[in-house]
Protein backbone atom coordinates (compact mmCIF):
# COMPACT_ATOMS: atom_id res chain seq x y z
CA UNK A 1 -52.04 58.79 0.97
CA UNK A 2 -51.65 57.85 4.64
CA UNK A 3 -52.80 54.32 3.76
CA UNK A 4 -50.13 54.02 1.06
CA UNK A 5 -47.39 55.30 3.38
CA UNK A 6 -48.65 52.98 6.11
CA UNK A 7 -48.71 50.04 3.70
CA UNK A 8 -45.18 50.80 2.45
CA UNK A 9 -43.98 51.13 6.04
CA UNK A 10 -45.70 47.85 6.98
CA UNK A 11 -44.10 46.03 4.01
CA UNK A 12 -40.67 47.46 4.89
CA UNK A 13 -40.99 46.37 8.53
CA UNK A 14 -42.14 42.89 7.49
CA UNK A 15 -39.28 42.65 5.02
CA UNK A 16 -36.71 43.66 7.63
CA UNK A 17 -38.24 41.27 10.16
CA UNK A 18 -38.12 38.41 7.65
CA UNK A 19 -34.45 39.16 6.93
CA UNK A 20 -33.64 39.22 10.63
CA UNK A 21 -35.47 35.93 11.22
CA UNK A 22 -33.71 34.36 8.22
CA UNK A 23 -30.31 35.64 9.36
CA UNK A 24 -30.96 34.34 12.86
CA UNK A 25 -31.79 30.86 11.57
CA UNK A 26 -28.45 30.45 9.80
CA UNK A 27 -26.20 28.37 12.04
CA UNK A 28 -22.44 28.40 11.83
CA UNK A 29 -20.16 26.17 13.82
CA UNK A 30 -16.52 25.44 14.31
CA UNK A 31 -14.50 22.45 15.41
CA UNK A 32 -10.89 21.60 16.06
CA UNK A 33 -10.76 18.46 13.92
CA UNK A 34 -7.24 17.58 15.11
CA UNK A 35 -8.38 17.69 18.72
CA UNK A 36 -11.40 15.53 17.85
CA UNK A 37 -9.26 12.91 16.11
CA UNK A 38 -6.77 12.82 18.98
CA UNK A 39 -9.65 12.30 21.44
CA UNK A 40 -10.95 9.24 19.58
CA UNK A 41 -10.09 5.90 21.24
CA UNK A 42 -8.84 4.48 17.92
CA UNK A 43 -6.20 7.21 17.75
CA UNK A 44 -4.21 5.88 20.71
CA UNK A 45 -4.11 2.30 19.45
CA UNK A 46 -3.15 3.47 15.94
CA UNK A 47 -0.41 5.63 17.44
CA UNK A 48 0.96 2.67 19.43
CA UNK A 49 0.90 0.44 16.35
CA UNK A 50 2.65 3.12 14.28
CA UNK A 51 5.30 3.61 16.99
CA UNK A 52 5.93 -0.16 17.14
CA UNK A 53 6.33 -0.26 13.35
CA UNK A 54 8.69 2.75 13.50
CA UNK A 55 10.75 1.05 16.26
CA UNK A 56 10.98 -2.13 14.17
CA UNK A 57 12.32 -0.17 11.20
CA UNK A 58 14.79 1.75 13.38
CA UNK A 59 16.08 -1.50 14.93
CA UNK A 60 16.60 -3.05 11.48
CA UNK A 61 18.44 0.08 10.33
CA UNK A 62 20.63 0.06 13.43
CA UNK A 63 21.60 -3.59 12.79
CA UNK A 64 22.55 -2.76 9.21
CA UNK A 65 24.52 0.28 10.37
CA UNK A 66 26.39 -1.69 13.05
CA UNK A 67 27.27 -4.37 10.50
CA UNK A 68 28.49 -1.71 8.07
CA UNK A 69 30.56 0.05 10.75
CA UNK A 70 32.15 -3.24 11.84
CA UNK A 71 33.10 -4.12 8.27
CA UNK A 72 34.35 -0.59 7.65
CA UNK A 73 36.47 -0.65 10.83
CA UNK A 74 37.93 -4.04 9.89
CA UNK A 75 38.70 -2.77 6.39
CA UNK A 76 40.34 0.40 7.72
CA UNK A 77 42.57 -1.60 10.10
CA UNK A 78 43.63 -4.17 7.49
CA UNK A 79 43.55 -2.11 4.26
CA UNK A 80 47.33 -1.76 4.02
CA UNK A 81 47.73 -5.58 4.22
CA UNK A 82 45.33 -6.30 1.34
CA UNK A 83 46.34 -6.83 -2.25
CA UNK A 84 44.81 -4.47 -4.79
CA UNK A 85 42.15 -6.97 -5.88
CA UNK A 86 41.13 -7.75 -2.28
CA UNK A 87 41.09 -4.06 -1.39
CA UNK A 88 38.88 -3.28 -4.42
CA UNK A 89 36.55 -6.14 -3.54
CA UNK A 90 36.23 -4.98 0.08
CA UNK A 91 35.65 -1.37 -1.04
CA UNK A 92 32.95 -2.55 -3.47
CA UNK A 93 31.37 -4.57 -0.64
CA UNK A 94 31.31 -1.48 1.59
CA UNK A 95 29.95 0.66 -1.23
CA UNK A 96 27.17 -1.87 -1.95
CA UNK A 97 26.32 -2.18 1.71
CA UNK A 98 26.14 1.60 2.10
CA UNK A 99 23.84 1.78 -0.95
CA UNK A 100 21.59 -0.93 0.54
CA UNK A 101 21.38 1.04 3.79
CA UNK A 102 20.34 4.17 1.88
CA UNK A 103 17.76 2.18 -0.09
CA UNK A 104 16.47 0.69 3.15
CA UNK A 105 16.12 4.17 4.67
CA UNK A 106 14.14 5.40 1.65
CA UNK A 107 11.89 2.35 1.59
CA UNK A 108 11.41 2.48 5.35
CA UNK A 109 10.37 6.12 5.10
CA UNK A 110 7.82 5.28 2.41
CA UNK A 111 6.56 2.25 4.36
CA UNK A 112 6.17 4.38 7.47
CA UNK A 113 4.13 6.99 5.56
CA UNK A 114 1.96 4.25 4.03
CA UNK A 115 1.43 2.62 7.43
CA UNK A 116 0.45 5.98 8.91
CA UNK A 117 -2.10 6.53 6.13
CA UNK A 118 -3.40 2.98 6.52
CA UNK A 119 -3.87 3.40 10.28
CA UNK A 120 -5.21 6.96 10.44
CA UNK A 121 -7.34 7.22 7.29
CA UNK A 122 -10.26 5.23 8.77
CA UNK A 123 -10.10 7.41 11.88
CA UNK A 124 -10.24 10.66 9.91
CA UNK A 125 -13.05 9.30 7.72
CA UNK A 126 -15.02 8.40 10.86
CA UNK A 127 -14.44 11.88 12.30
CA UNK A 128 -15.41 13.58 9.02
CA UNK A 129 -18.58 11.48 8.77
CA UNK A 130 -19.51 12.43 12.33
CA UNK A 131 -18.97 16.13 11.52
CA UNK A 132 -21.16 15.79 8.40
CA UNK A 133 -23.90 14.04 10.38
CA UNK A 134 -23.85 16.62 13.18
CA UNK A 135 -23.97 19.42 10.60
CA UNK A 136 -27.02 17.94 8.87
CA UNK A 137 -28.86 16.89 12.03
CA UNK A 138 -28.41 20.25 13.72
CA UNK A 139 -29.10 22.49 10.73
CA UNK A 140 -25.67 24.07 10.38
CA UNK A 141 -24.92 25.90 7.15
CA UNK A 142 -21.16 25.85 7.72
CA UNK A 143 -18.81 24.17 10.18
CA UNK A 144 -15.24 25.46 10.06
CA UNK A 145 -12.21 23.42 11.10
CA UNK A 146 -10.15 25.84 13.16
CA UNK A 147 -7.16 23.49 13.25
CA UNK A 148 -6.64 23.69 9.49
CA UNK A 149 -8.55 26.84 8.56
CA UNK A 150 -10.69 24.84 6.16
CA UNK A 151 -14.37 24.14 5.80
CA UNK A 152 -15.33 20.87 7.51
CA UNK A 153 -18.99 20.93 6.42
CA UNK A 154 -21.40 23.02 4.39
CA UNK A 155 -25.07 22.59 3.49
CA UNK A 156 -25.29 22.79 -0.30
CA UNK A 157 -28.99 23.67 -0.17
CA UNK A 158 -28.31 26.84 1.84
CA UNK A 159 -25.04 27.81 0.18
CA UNK A 160 -24.55 29.08 -3.35
CA UNK A 161 -21.64 28.24 -5.61
CA UNK A 162 -20.56 31.60 -7.01
CA UNK A 163 -18.00 30.28 -9.49
CA UNK A 164 -20.11 31.19 -12.53
CA UNK A 165 -20.71 34.71 -11.19
CA UNK A 166 -17.00 35.29 -10.52
CA UNK A 167 -16.05 33.91 -13.93
CA UNK A 168 -18.53 36.31 -15.53
CA UNK A 169 -17.11 39.18 -13.50
CA UNK A 170 -13.62 38.31 -14.73
CA UNK A 171 -14.80 37.80 -18.30
CA UNK A 172 -14.02 34.06 -18.27
CA UNK A 173 -16.29 31.73 -20.20
């Protein structure tokens, strides 16, 4: 009987020790991905290029706005001297010019977003690849991005997808 109790106790101790060793070998990490990206040398040059593009768009918009304001001021000063047909033509000109300015603003906004994606996407891909490589090389199970609250890396061989279990729990097929 003492041998059985001793054997059960030995198995329990070994089991607990194995769980502790296994738990100790799981590595978790965290990173501030935003800080990493901002520290990359490519970030500064992309930022400068984006700022130059933004300045170019702003200058073009200012020129259009100045031209519109000048025409509007001239119209306002001379409107009472115009015949109806000239007045209507000038008003249509101002209306069309205002519409073109609005269209320019919308297109410029889209172009700026596209330029930002074009410049920064390779940088974020490089950072993400580096995080993936570090995770694999150093045996991390999970690396969390503290800047976004998302998972930056996980080792699929050490992590289980529990979708099927949760679906079963909720009675979803």
